[in-house]
Amino acid sequence: MWFWPMAAMVALTALVWVALYVQRFGEMRRRRIDPQQLFNRRARVETLQHTSAADNFNNLLELPTLFHIAMLAAMALGVVDALLHDLAFAYVGLRAAHSLIHVTYNRVVHRFIAYALSPVVLFAIWIRLALLVAAA
């Protein structure tokens, strides 16, 4: 049961990773940027104009780590609960919405709403998981 939300999160991360390189290589080709000009993070920030996919990829490696830990804990503990399952998919959906906005039209207010709701759901996952473990 917990494999699918994690697999969806991994798939989202993989899609954003592909978008990162499509965006980056496209800009490098259009603007004739030598790869050596991007030798570190600061150089990339100063040189590249389009970094939304890279920014989003980095973002997917931050709080989502706690999501994967929660799912692995639920699997290891054998905790099965419909609410926890629904929260897991809600979290993935919010992160997908955030990524889609971030990598496409990047309207900050829209992106912020999806981003701000996702940690609320993530912390609800952890609270629900703790309650289920406590009750077991």
C-alpha atoms as a PDB file:
ATOM      1  CA  MET A   1       0.000   0.000   0.000  1.00  0.00           C
ATOM      2  CA  TRP A   2       2.762   2.492   0.880  1.00  0.00           C
ATOM      3  CA  PHE A   3       4.889   1.696  -2.126  1.00  0.00           C
ATOM      4  CA  TRP A   4       2.677   3.609  -4.583  1.00  0.00           C
ATOM      5  CA  PRO A   5       2.791   7.043  -2.945  1.00  0.00           C
ATOM      6  CA  MET A   6       6.577   6.714  -2.690  1.00  0.00           C
ATOM      7  CA  ALA A   7       6.817   5.533  -6.294  1.00  0.00           C
ATOM      8  CA  ALA A   8       4.728   8.523  -7.385  1.00  0.00           C
ATOM      9  CA  MET A   9       7.044  10.872  -5.490  1.00  0.00           C
ATOM     10  CA  VAL A  10      10.097   9.262  -7.097  1.00  0.00           C
ATOM     11  CA  ALA A  11       8.462   9.553 -10.530  1.00  0.00           C
ATOM     12  CA  LEU A  12       7.767  13.248  -9.897  1.00  0.00           C
ATOM     13  CA  THR A  13      11.401  13.785  -8.874  1.00  0.00           C
ATOM     14  CA  ALA A  14      12.599  11.968 -12.000  1.00  0.00           C
ATOM     15  CA  LEU A  15      10.364  14.100 -14.253  1.00  0.00           C
ATOM     16  CA  VAL A  16      11.654  17.301 -12.685  1.00  0.00           C
ATOM     17  CA  TRP A  17      15.224  16.015 -13.062  1.00  0.00           C
ATOM     18  CA  VAL A  18      14.609  15.548 -16.794  1.00  0.00           C
ATOM     19  CA  ALA A  19      13.018  19.021 -16.988  1.00  0.00           C
ATOM     20  CA  LEU A  20      16.099  20.443 -15.237  1.00  0.00           C
ATOM     21  CA  TYR A  21      18.412  19.162 -17.950  1.00  0.00           C
ATOM     22  CA  VAL A  22      16.077  20.056 -20.812  1.00  0.00           C
ATOM     23  CA  GLN A  23      15.859  23.602 -19.419  1.00  0.00           C
ATOM     24  CA  ARG A  24      19.566  23.895 -18.642  1.00  0.00           C
ATOM     25  CA  PHE A  25      20.913  22.409 -21.878  1.00  0.00           C
ATOM     26  CA  GLY A  26      18.397  24.415 -23.904  1.00  0.00           C
ATOM     27  CA  GLU A  27      19.535  27.668 -22.307  1.00  0.00           C
ATOM     28  CA  MET A  28      23.201  26.736 -22.670  1.00  0.00           C
ATOM     29  CA  ARG A  29      22.676  26.033 -26.374  1.00  0.00           C
ATOM     30  CA  ARG A  30      20.582  29.173 -27.027  1.00  0.00           C
ATOM     31  CA  ARG A  31      22.941  31.484 -25.166  1.00  0.00           C
ATOM     32  CA  ARG A  32      26.122  29.605 -26.159  1.00  0.00           C
ATOM     33  CA  ILE A  33      27.198  29.074 -22.550  1.00  0.00           C
ATOM     34  CA  ASP A  34      30.362  27.025 -22.106  1.00  0.00           C
ATOM     35  CA  PRO A  35      29.750  24.266 -19.509  1.00  0.00           C
ATOM     36  CA  GLN A  36      32.877  25.388 -17.637  1.00  0.00           C
ATOM     37  CA  GLN A  37      31.089  28.671 -16.854  1.00  0.00           C
ATOM     38  CA  LEU A  38      28.773  26.648 -14.593  1.00  0.00           C
ATOM     39  CA  PHE A  39      31.529  25.126 -12.457  1.00  0.00           C
ATOM     40  CA  ASN A  40      29.760  25.710  -9.105  1.00  0.00           C
ATOM     41  CA  ARG A  41      26.408  26.791  -7.655  1.00  0.00           C
ATOM     42  CA  ARG A  42      27.290  30.472  -7.495  1.00  0.00           C
ATOM     43  CA  ALA A  43      28.474  30.487 -11.118  1.00  0.00           C
ATOM     44  CA  ARG A  44      25.246  28.762 -12.191  1.00  0.00           C
ATOM     45  CA  VAL A  45      23.131  31.304 -10.306  1.00  0.00           C
ATOM     46  CA  GLU A  46      25.041  34.216 -11.817  1.00  0.00           C
ATOM     47  CA  THR A  47      25.056  32.788 -15.361  1.00  0.00           C
ATOM     48  CA  LEU A  48      21.759  31.009 -15.907  1.00  0.00           C
ATOM     49  CA  GLN A  49      18.522  32.932 -16.346  1.00  0.00           C
ATOM     50  CA  HIS A  50      16.187  29.933 -16.103  1.00  0.00           C
ATOM     51  CA  THR A  51      16.641  27.872 -12.949  1.00  0.00           C
ATOM     52  CA  SER A  52      13.081  26.955 -11.959  1.00  0.00           C
ATOM     53  CA  ALA A  53      13.485  23.242 -12.740  1.00  0.00           C
ATOM     54  CA  ALA A  54      16.808  23.062 -10.848  1.00  0.00           C
ATOM     55  CA  ASP A  55      15.306  24.970  -7.926  1.00  0.00           C
ATOM     56  CA  ASN A  56      12.330  22.619  -7.887  1.00  0.00           C
ATOM     57  CA  PHE A  57      14.541  19.526  -8.090  1.00  0.00           C
ATOM     58  CA  ASN A  58      16.475  20.722  -5.036  1.00  0.00           C
ATOM     59  CA  ASN A  59      13.180  21.414  -3.295  1.00  0.00           C
ATOM     60  CA  LEU A  60      12.047  17.838  -3.955  1.00  0.00           C
ATOM     61  CA  LEU A  61      15.054  16.592  -1.988  1.00  0.00           C
ATOM     62  CA  GLU A  62      14.232  18.602   1.147  1.00  0.00           C
ATOM     63  CA  LEU A  63      10.903  18.044   2.963  1.00  0.00           C
ATOM     64  CA  PRO A  64       9.930  15.049   0.802  1.00  0.00           C
ATOM     65  CA  THR A  65      12.699  13.157   2.597  1.00  0.00           C
ATOM     66  CA  LEU A  66      10.456  13.185   5.683  1.00  0.00           C
ATOM     67  CA  PHE A  67       7.629  11.843   3.520  1.00  0.00           C
ATOM     68  CA  HIS A  68       9.713   8.879   2.374  1.00  0.00           C
ATOM     69  CA  ILE A  69      10.802   8.183   5.952  1.00  0.00           C
ATOM     70  CA  ALA A  70       7.166   8.210   7.104  1.00  0.00           C
ATOM     71  CA  MET A  71       6.147   5.799   4.341  1.00  0.00           C
ATOM     72  CA  LEU A  72       9.042   3.463   5.119  1.00  0.00           C
ATOM     73  CA  ALA A  73       8.152   3.610   8.825  1.00  0.00           C
ATOM     74  CA  ALA A  74       4.517   2.765   8.031  1.00  0.00           C
ATOM     75  CA  MET A  75       5.697  -0.172   5.923  1.00  0.00           C
ATOM     76  CA  ALA A  76       8.142  -1.418   8.560  1.00  0.00           C
ATOM     77  CA  LEU A  77       5.573  -1.120  11.334  1.00  0.00           C
ATOM     78  CA  GLY A  78       2.816  -2.689   9.267  1.00  0.00           C
ATOM     79  CA  VAL A  79       0.547   0.305   9.785  1.00  0.00           C
ATOM     80  CA  VAL A  80      -2.345   0.319   7.311  1.00  0.00           C
ATOM     81  CA  ASP A  81      -4.920   3.073   7.524  1.00  0.00           C
ATOM     82  CA  ALA A  82      -7.134   4.680   4.856  1.00  0.00           C
ATOM     83  CA  LEU A  83      -6.623   8.193   6.241  1.00  0.00           C
ATOM     84  CA  LEU A  84      -2.843   7.833   6.226  1.00  0.00           C
ATOM     85  CA  HIS A  85      -3.022   6.468   2.682  1.00  0.00           C
ATOM     86  CA  ASP A  86      -5.193   9.414   1.546  1.00  0.00           C
ATOM     87  CA  LEU A  87      -2.854  11.896   3.233  1.00  0.00           C
ATOM     88  CA  ALA A  88       0.104  10.301   1.444  1.00  0.00           C
ATOM     89  CA  PHE A  89      -1.495  10.759  -1.962  1.00  0.00           C
ATOM     90  CA  ALA A  90      -2.641  14.279  -1.032  1.00  0.00           C
ATOM     91  CA  TYR A  91       0.963  15.143  -0.210  1.00  0.00           C
ATOM     92  CA  VAL A  92       2.191  13.766  -3.536  1.00  0.00           C
ATOM     93  CA  GLY A  93      -0.580  15.655  -5.343  1.00  0.00           C
ATOM     94  CA  LEU A  94       0.364  18.943  -3.682  1.00  0.00           C
ATOM     95  CA  ARG A  95       4.037  18.404  -4.484  1.00  0.00           C
ATOM     96  CA  ALA A  96       3.113  17.587  -8.091  1.00  0.00           C
ATOM     97  CA  ALA A  97       1.030  20.776  -8.313  1.00  0.00           C
ATOM     98  CA  HIS A  98       3.915  22.777  -6.826  1.00  0.00           C
ATOM     99  CA  SER A  99       6.376  21.262  -9.315  1.00  0.00           C
ATOM    100  CA  LEU A 100       4.073  21.791 -12.289  1.00  0.00           C
ATOM    101  CA  ILE A 101       3.589  25.457 -11.394  1.00  0.00           C
ATOM    102  CA  HIS A 102       7.279  25.964 -10.583  1.00  0.00           C
ATOM    103  CA  VAL A 103       8.589  24.411 -13.790  1.00  0.00           C
ATOM    104  CA  THR A 104       5.975  25.939 -16.127  1.00  0.00           C
ATOM    105  CA  TYR A 105       4.452  29.391 -15.584  1.00  0.00           C
ATOM    106  CA  ASN A 106       5.970  29.900 -12.092  1.00  0.00           C
ATOM    107  CA  ARG A 107       3.362  32.207 -10.585  1.00  0.00           C
ATOM    108  CA  VAL A 108       4.701  32.652  -7.034  1.00  0.00           C
ATOM    109  CA  VAL A 109       1.325  33.019  -5.294  1.00  0.00           C
ATOM    110  CA  HIS A 110      -0.005  29.821  -6.891  1.00  0.00           C
ATOM    111  CA  ARG A 111       3.232  27.970  -6.202  1.00  0.00           C
ATOM    112  CA  PHE A 112       3.243  29.160  -2.589  1.00  0.00           C
ATOM    113  CA  ILE A 113      -0.265  27.841  -1.932  1.00  0.00           C
ATOM    114  CA  ALA A 114       0.682  24.338  -3.095  1.00  0.00           C
ATOM    115  CA  TYR A 115       3.991  24.528  -1.238  1.00  0.00           C
ATOM    116  CA  ALA A 116       2.500  25.855   2.012  1.00  0.00           C
ATOM    117  CA  LEU A 117      -0.208  23.195   2.121  1.00  0.00           C
ATOM    118  CA  SER A 118       2.186  20.312   1.529  1.00  0.00           C
ATOM    119  CA  PRO A 119       4.070  20.565   4.869  1.00  0.00           C
ATOM    120  CA  VAL A 120       0.717  20.775   6.676  1.00  0.00           C
ATOM    121  CA  VAL A 121      -0.245  17.456   5.075  1.00  0.00           C
ATOM    122  CA  LEU A 122       3.231  16.045   5.736  1.00  0.00           C
ATOM    123  CA  PHE A 123       3.023  16.875   9.435  1.00  0.00           C
ATOM    124  CA  ALA A 124      -0.515  15.429   9.517  1.00  0.00           C
ATOM    125  CA  ILE A 125       0.967  12.214   8.095  1.00  0.00           C
ATOM    126  CA  TRP A 126       3.475  12.095  10.935  1.00  0.00           C
ATOM    127  CA  ILE A 127       0.833  12.847  13.565  1.00  0.00           C
ATOM    128  CA  ARG A 128      -1.463  10.155  12.158  1.00  0.00           C
ATOM    129  CA  LEU A 129       1.425   7.693  12.017  1.00  0.00           C
ATOM    130  CA  ALA A 130       2.334   8.443  15.644  1.00  0.00           C
ATOM    131  CA  LEU A 131      -1.279   7.980  16.745  1.00  0.00           C
ATOM    132  CA  LEU A 132      -1.529   4.661  14.924  1.00  0.00           C
ATOM    133  CA  VAL A 133       1.731   3.417  16.430  1.00  0.00           C
ATOM    134  CA  ALA A 134       0.638   4.549  19.900  1.00  0.00           C
ATOM    135  CA  ALA A 135      -2.672   2.726  19.529  1.00  0.00           C
ATOM    136  CA  ALA A 136      -1.034  -0.513  18.353  1.00  0.00           C
END
